[in-house]
Amino acid sequence: MRGLLLRLSGLDADAESAVRVIGFFDRLITERASLDALVRSTSELAGCAAGLYAPGQGLSLHADGGGPVTAGPVPAGAAVRALEGGVEVWVCRPGPPAPLDDMLLERFAIAAAVLLEHSSVPLPELGDPALIELVLSESVGTAERSRALHLLGINATAPLRVLATTGEVPGRSALVGDVRAVLTAEVPEVAGRLGVGPLLPAIDAVKSWQAARSALRFTSDGEPVVWWEKLGSLGLLAEKLAVADVEELPDVRALDRLAAEPGMITMLDALCATGSVRKAAAVLHRHHSTMTARLARAEAALGFGLDEASGRFRLHLALMLRRLRENA
């Protein structure tokens, strides 16, 4: 298969070229290629967008020029070949058809029919948590994820958000490792730690799940719910920094020493969240004068002042990095 990837636009409509196209699809069938590989390879061969639509199995796949396989409808103006059961394959190129487009569509359709019949995607019962795990798996292809979403009653292009929690949250969920994943369009009111992933097309649920897990690592007792969208550039820290890197930071070590004093970290969190001693005291239901001495001890341990925005920013960054380490 890999040795026969030819751009259709570079072929002449002669017998030799036709044999190459037939051989290309025969090799895909012989190797029992995945549906993702079929669509991606066809688009690379054609040098344009190509796709497979199988509504009965929840599949609406397309790729452009050999790029990633995604979910989406059949585009207007596409050349379509229909199969049984409402299945369609298509190619969509700008400008006039290439000489071998008809043959390509015919062989694409034959390969799709065979590979659809032989596809061995796990199909747990409707609502089974295994379907959710399949949707969120990084190792499965777009076809497998689409079919799992279909069995869950979720359109592949519908907006979906994934939540990551260590507690119980209403909604369709599954335990993935020691974190519970929840598929939802709305974020419920919950008690407990919760990382909220971004709202994305359902076919990209794995990206929302990854973001939700990172957001969960930034939660604390004082901030139990964290939205990925609100983290901004902080979100990259969860992906780039190892626990050992955080351990070596002097500001984090200073916070570890301060954590021995009950309520100190909560007070510093409140200061960063509110931006002033008076507001932090109000949030903690304390008189602001009682916090002055504690803040002085914190400044001495940290080695910088907290009465200016730059100092509070440095403190906030150290607190967030400490959360990353604590929730690793």
Protein backbone atom coordinates (compact mmCIF):
# COMPACT_ATOMS: atom_id res chain seq x y z
CA MET A 1 0.00 0.00 0.00
CA ARG A 2 2.67 2.48 1.01
CA GLY A 3 4.64 1.89 -2.18
CA LEU A 4 1.64 2.60 -4.39
CA LEU A 5 0.59 6.01 -3.10
CA LEU A 6 0.24 7.92 -6.36
CA ARG A 7 -1.28 11.29 -7.00
CA LEU A 8 -4.17 10.69 -9.39
CA SER A 9 -3.60 14.05 -11.02
CA GLY A 10 -0.28 12.75 -12.31
CA LEU A 11 -1.72 9.68 -14.00
CA ASP A 12 -2.89 9.27 -17.58
CA ALA A 13 -6.09 7.38 -18.31
CA ASP A 14 -4.27 4.41 -19.86
CA ALA A 15 -4.31 0.73 -19.03
CA GLU A 16 -1.15 0.86 -16.92
CA SER A 17 -2.49 3.68 -14.76
CA ALA A 18 -5.81 1.89 -14.32
CA VAL A 19 -4.00 -1.25 -13.17
CA ARG A 20 -2.08 0.79 -10.62
CA VAL A 21 -5.30 2.21 -9.18
CA ILE A 22 -6.86 -1.26 -8.99
CA GLY A 23 -3.74 -2.64 -7.33
CA PHE A 24 -3.73 0.20 -4.85
CA PHE A 25 -7.21 -0.63 -3.55
CA ASP A 26 -6.64 -4.40 -3.76
CA ARG A 27 -3.65 -3.98 -1.46
CA LEU A 28 -5.76 -2.04 1.05
CA ILE A 29 -8.34 -4.85 1.05
CA THR A 30 -5.71 -7.60 1.34
CA GLU A 31 -4.06 -5.88 4.31
CA ARG A 32 -7.46 -5.34 5.98
CA ALA A 33 -6.71 -1.63 6.28
CA SER A 34 -8.70 0.36 8.80
CA LEU A 35 -11.45 2.63 7.54
CA ASP A 36 -9.33 5.60 8.61
CA ALA A 37 -6.45 4.29 6.47
CA LEU A 38 -8.79 3.73 3.52
CA VAL A 39 -10.11 7.29 3.58
CA ARG A 40 -6.71 8.88 4.23
CA SER A 41 -4.95 6.84 1.53
CA THR A 42 -7.70 7.50 -1.03
CA SER A 43 -7.45 11.24 -0.46
CA GLU A 44 -3.68 11.06 -0.88
CA LEU A 45 -4.01 9.03 -4.07
CA ALA A 46 -6.62 11.43 -5.47
CA GLY A 47 -4.74 14.53 -4.34
CA CYS A 48 -7.96 16.04 -3.00
CA ALA A 49 -10.62 15.57 -0.32
CA ALA A 50 -12.23 12.13 -0.07
CA GLY A 51 -14.62 10.54 2.39
CA LEU A 52 -16.90 7.76 3.52
CA TYR A 53 -20.47 8.21 4.76
CA ALA A 54 -22.16 5.27 6.54
CA PRO A 55 -25.05 6.68 8.60
CA GLY A 56 -26.15 3.28 9.89
CA GLN A 57 -22.81 2.94 11.68
CA GLY A 58 -22.42 6.56 12.65
CA LEU A 59 -19.56 7.13 10.21
CA SER A 60 -18.99 10.38 8.36
CA LEU A 61 -15.27 10.42 7.61
CA HIS A 62 -13.19 12.67 5.41
CA ALA A 63 -9.58 13.54 4.76
CA ASP A 64 -7.93 16.05 2.47
CA GLY A 65 -4.82 15.21 0.49
CA GLY A 66 -3.72 12.47 2.89
CA GLY A 67 -4.17 14.64 6.00
CA PRO A 68 -5.80 13.58 9.29
CA VAL A 69 -9.16 11.84 9.15
CA THR A 70 -11.93 13.91 10.70
CA ALA A 71 -15.73 13.83 10.87
CA GLY A 72 -17.91 15.90 8.58
CA PRO A 73 -20.69 15.80 5.99
CA VAL A 74 -20.39 15.07 2.27
CA PRO A 75 -19.42 18.44 0.72
CA ALA A 76 -21.49 20.09 -1.95
CA GLY A 77 -20.21 19.35 -5.42
CA ALA A 78 -18.54 16.07 -4.48
CA ALA A 79 -18.56 13.14 -6.90
CA VAL A 80 -20.43 10.40 -5.05
CA ARG A 81 -20.77 6.64 -5.48
CA ALA A 82 -23.63 5.00 -3.53
CA LEU A 83 -23.49 1.56 -1.91
CA GLU A 84 -26.13 -0.56 -0.19
CA GLY A 85 -27.55 0.60 3.13
CA GLY A 86 -27.20 4.30 2.42
CA VAL A 87 -23.39 4.12 2.39
CA GLU A 88 -21.60 6.60 0.13
CA VAL A 89 -18.00 7.24 -0.86
CA TRP A 90 -16.95 10.51 -2.45
CA VAL A 91 -14.12 12.62 -3.77
CA CYS A 92 -14.23 16.39 -4.08
CA ARG A 93 -11.64 18.22 -6.11
CA PRO A 94 -11.53 21.83 -7.29
CA GLY A 95 -11.92 22.15 -11.02
CA PRO A 96 -12.83 19.43 -13.52
CA PRO A 97 -12.63 15.67 -12.72
CA ALA A 98 -9.34 13.87 -13.27
CA PRO A 99 -9.17 11.16 -15.98
CA LEU A 100 -9.41 8.25 -13.56
CA ASP A 101 -11.91 9.66 -11.05
CA ASP A 102 -14.66 7.26 -12.14
CA MET A 103 -12.43 4.24 -11.68
CA LEU A 104 -11.12 5.57 -8.37
CA LEU A 105 -14.67 5.98 -7.04
CA GLU A 106 -15.60 2.48 -8.20
CA ARG A 107 -12.61 0.84 -6.50
CA PHE A 108 -13.02 3.07 -3.43
CA ALA A 109 -16.63 1.85 -3.16
CA ILE A 110 -15.62 -1.81 -3.48
CA ALA A 111 -12.90 -1.45 -0.85
CA ALA A 112 -15.26 0.40 1.49
CA ALA A 113 -17.90 -2.34 1.19
CA VAL A 114 -15.37 -5.07 1.99
CA LEU A 115 -13.65 -3.25 4.86
CA LEU A 116 -16.94 -2.15 6.42
CA GLU A 117 -18.02 -5.79 6.48
CA HIS A 118 -14.76 -6.92 8.04
CA SER A 119 -14.21 -4.04 10.44
CA SER A 120 -13.82 -5.37 13.95
CA VAL A 121 -14.65 -2.34 16.08
CA PRO A 122 -15.62 -3.31 19.67
CA LEU A 123 -19.32 -2.72 20.09
CA PRO A 124 -20.30 -2.82 23.77
CA GLU A 125 -23.92 -2.54 24.72
CA LEU A 126 -25.49 0.90 24.45
CA GLY A 127 -24.56 2.96 27.47
CA ASP A 128 -21.72 0.65 28.50
CA PRO A 129 -18.82 2.61 30.07
CA ALA A 130 -16.55 0.81 27.62
CA LEU A 131 -18.04 2.99 24.86
CA ILE A 132 -17.00 6.11 26.74
CA GLU A 133 -13.50 4.73 27.21
CA LEU A 134 -13.39 4.09 23.46
CA VAL A 135 -14.47 7.67 22.72
CA LEU A 136 -11.71 9.01 24.96
CA SER A 137 -8.95 6.63 23.92
CA GLU A 138 -5.92 8.18 22.23
CA SER A 139 -5.11 4.92 20.44
CA VAL A 140 -8.30 4.46 18.37
CA GLY A 141 -9.04 5.95 14.97
CA THR A 142 -11.76 8.34 13.91
CA ALA A 143 -13.94 5.49 12.62
CA GLU A 144 -13.90 3.64 15.95
CA ARG A 145 -14.60 6.83 17.86
CA SER A 146 -17.45 7.76 15.50
CA ARG A 147 -19.12 4.37 15.90
CA ALA A 148 -18.84 4.52 19.69
CA LEU A 149 -20.42 7.99 19.70
CA HIS A 150 -23.17 6.68 17.43
CA LEU A 151 -23.96 3.87 19.88
CA LEU A 152 -24.06 6.42 22.70
CA GLY A 153 -26.57 8.46 20.71
CA ILE A 154 -24.16 11.37 20.19
CA ASN A 155 -23.62 12.97 16.80
CA ALA A 156 -19.93 13.13 15.89
CA THR A 157 -20.15 16.85 15.10
CA ALA A 158 -22.33 17.83 18.09
CA PRO A 159 -20.71 20.10 20.71
CA LEU A 160 -19.47 18.09 23.68
CA ARG A 161 -17.50 18.85 26.81
CA VAL A 162 -15.60 16.32 28.91
CA LEU A 163 -15.25 16.71 32.67
CA ALA A 164 -12.58 15.09 34.85
CA THR A 165 -13.40 14.51 38.50
CA THR A 166 -12.32 12.42 41.47
CA GLY A 167 -15.90 12.42 42.80
CA GLU A 168 -19.36 11.65 41.48
CA VAL A 169 -20.89 13.94 38.86
CA PRO A 170 -24.31 13.54 37.21
CA GLY A 171 -24.19 12.50 33.58
CA ARG A 172 -22.90 9.77 31.31
CA SER A 173 -19.56 8.74 32.80
CA ALA A 174 -16.88 6.10 33.10
CA LEU A 175 -13.96 5.61 35.46
CA VAL A 176 -10.70 5.93 33.52
CA GLY A 177 -7.87 4.99 35.83
CA ASP A 178 -8.50 6.87 39.07
CA VAL A 179 -10.33 9.78 37.40
CA ARG A 180 -13.98 9.79 36.35
CA ALA A 181 -14.71 11.11 32.85
CA VAL A 182 -18.10 12.69 32.19
CA LEU A 183 -19.52 13.47 28.74
CA THR A 184 -21.82 16.49 28.82
CA ALA A 185 -22.88 19.62 26.99
CA GLU A 186 -23.55 21.48 30.25
CA VAL A 187 -21.49 21.73 33.42
CA PRO A 188 -23.56 20.67 36.48
CA GLU A 189 -23.31 22.20 39.92
CA VAL A 190 -21.21 19.74 41.91
CA ALA A 191 -19.41 19.45 45.21
CA GLY A 192 -15.84 18.25 44.78
CA ARG A 193 -12.82 18.61 42.55
CA LEU A 194 -13.67 19.12 38.87
CA GLY A 195 -11.61 19.87 35.76
CA VAL A 196 -13.69 21.24 32.88
CA GLY A 197 -12.51 20.56 29.34
CA PRO A 198 -13.30 22.83 26.37
CA LEU A 199 -16.48 22.51 24.30
CA LEU A 200 -15.48 20.75 21.06
CA PRO A 201 -17.10 18.62 18.37
CA ALA A 202 -17.76 15.20 19.89
CA ILE A 203 -15.29 13.54 17.53
CA ASP A 204 -12.55 15.57 19.30
CA ALA A 205 -13.63 14.44 22.78
CA VAL A 206 -10.18 13.03 23.47
CA LYS A 207 -8.74 16.57 23.27
CA SER A 208 -11.35 17.86 25.72
CA TRP A 209 -10.57 14.93 28.02
CA GLN A 210 -6.84 15.67 27.99
CA ALA A 211 -7.54 19.32 28.79
CA ALA A 212 -10.01 18.38 31.55
CA ARG A 213 -7.41 16.19 33.25
CA SER A 214 -4.90 19.04 33.14
CA ALA A 215 -7.49 21.43 34.57
CA LEU A 216 -8.18 18.95 37.39
CA ARG A 217 -4.53 19.18 38.41
CA PHE A 218 -4.95 22.91 39.07
CA THR A 219 -7.82 22.44 41.53
CA SER A 220 -7.54 22.97 45.27
CA ASP A 221 -9.78 23.05 48.33
CA GLY A 222 -10.16 26.78 47.80
CA GLU A 223 -10.76 26.43 44.03
CA PRO A 224 -12.40 23.04 43.49
CA VAL A 225 -13.59 23.74 39.93
CA VAL A 226 -11.14 24.83 37.21
CA TRP A 227 -12.07 25.50 33.55
CA TRP A 228 -9.43 24.81 30.92
CA GLU A 229 -10.43 27.89 28.94
CA LYS A 230 -9.68 30.11 31.94
CA LEU A 231 -6.20 28.72 32.53
CA GLY A 232 -4.72 30.40 29.47
CA SER A 233 -0.98 29.85 29.19
CA LEU A 234 -0.96 28.11 32.57
CA GLY A 235 -2.47 25.10 30.86
CA LEU A 236 0.78 24.43 29.02
CA LEU A 237 2.61 24.00 32.32
CA ALA A 238 0.76 20.77 33.05
CA GLU A 239 2.06 19.31 29.79
CA LYS A 240 5.61 20.67 29.91
CA LEU A 241 6.70 20.50 33.57
CA ALA A 242 7.59 17.31 35.38
CA VAL A 243 6.99 16.94 39.12
CA ALA A 244 10.75 16.93 39.69
CA ASP A 245 11.04 20.31 37.94
CA VAL A 246 8.45 21.85 40.23
CA GLU A 247 10.11 20.38 43.33
CA GLU A 248 13.28 22.33 42.60
CA LEU A 249 11.65 25.78 42.47
CA PRO A 250 12.55 27.96 45.50
CA ASP A 251 9.11 29.62 45.60
CA VAL A 252 7.39 26.24 45.78
CA ARG A 253 9.76 25.09 48.52
CA ALA A 254 8.96 28.24 50.47
CA LEU A 255 5.24 27.50 50.16
CA ASP A 256 5.87 23.98 51.45
CA ARG A 257 7.41 25.44 54.57
CA LEU A 258 4.53 27.88 54.97
CA ALA A 259 2.01 25.04 54.56
CA ALA A 260 2.99 23.78 58.00
CA GLU A 261 1.02 26.72 59.45
CA PRO A 262 -2.70 25.81 59.36
CA GLY A 263 -4.72 27.94 56.97
CA MET A 264 -1.71 29.74 55.48
CA ILE A 265 -2.06 28.36 51.94
CA THR A 266 -5.81 29.05 51.99
CA MET A 267 -5.11 32.63 53.00
CA LEU A 268 -2.54 33.10 50.23
CA ASP A 269 -4.96 31.60 47.69
CA ALA A 270 -7.62 34.08 48.82
CA LEU A 271 -5.20 36.98 48.50
CA CYS A 272 -4.38 36.04 44.90
CA ALA A 273 -8.04 35.49 44.03
CA THR A 274 -9.25 38.82 45.45
CA GLY A 275 -6.21 41.07 44.97
CA SER A 276 -6.44 42.74 48.39
CA VAL A 277 -6.04 41.93 52.05
CA ARG A 278 -9.46 43.34 52.99
CA LYS A 279 -11.29 41.32 50.34
CA ALA A 280 -9.37 38.17 51.24
CA ALA A 281 -10.26 38.68 54.89
CA ALA A 282 -13.94 39.06 53.97
CA VAL A 283 -13.85 35.83 51.96
CA LEU A 284 -12.25 34.00 54.90
CA HIS A 285 -14.58 35.70 57.44
CA ARG A 286 -11.68 37.24 59.35
CA HIS A 287 -10.77 40.76 60.32
CA HIS A 288 -8.13 42.14 57.98
CA SER A 289 -5.90 43.22 60.85
CA THR A 290 -5.44 39.59 61.94
CA MET A 291 -4.00 38.72 58.54
CA THR A 292 -1.24 41.35 58.58
CA ALA A 293 1.13 39.41 60.81
CA ARG A 294 0.59 36.19 58.85
CA LEU A 295 1.28 37.95 55.57
CA ALA A 296 4.49 39.36 57.01
CA ARG A 297 5.64 35.84 57.87
CA ALA A 298 4.70 34.69 54.37
CA GLU A 299 6.69 37.54 52.77
CA ALA A 300 9.71 36.71 54.92
CA ALA A 301 9.59 33.05 53.88
CA LEU A 302 9.02 33.83 50.20
CA GLY A 303 11.61 36.56 49.98
CA PHE A 304 9.39 39.09 48.15
CA GLY A 305 6.53 41.45 48.98
CA LEU A 306 2.85 40.79 48.34
CA ASP A 307 1.56 44.34 48.37
CA GLU A 308 2.26 44.85 44.66
CA ALA A 309 0.79 43.14 41.61
CA SER A 310 4.15 41.65 40.58
CA GLY A 311 4.57 39.96 43.94
CA ARG A 312 1.04 38.57 43.91
CA PHE A 313 1.56 37.28 40.36
CA ARG A 314 4.72 35.46 41.44
CA LEU A 315 2.84 34.03 44.42
CA HIS A 316 -0.06 32.92 42.25
CA LEU A 317 2.27 31.15 39.82
CA ALA A 318 4.01 29.35 42.69
CA LEU A 319 0.65 28.30 44.15
CA MET A 320 -0.52 26.92 40.80
CA LEU A 321 2.72 25.02 40.28
CA ARG A 322 2.40 23.55 43.76
CA ARG A 323 -1.11 22.36 42.85
CA LEU A 324 0.29 20.66 39.76
CA ARG A 325 2.75 18.77 41.91
CA GLU A 326 0.20 17.92 44.62
CA ASN A 327 -2.31 16.60 42.05
CA ALA A 328 0.16 14.77 39.83
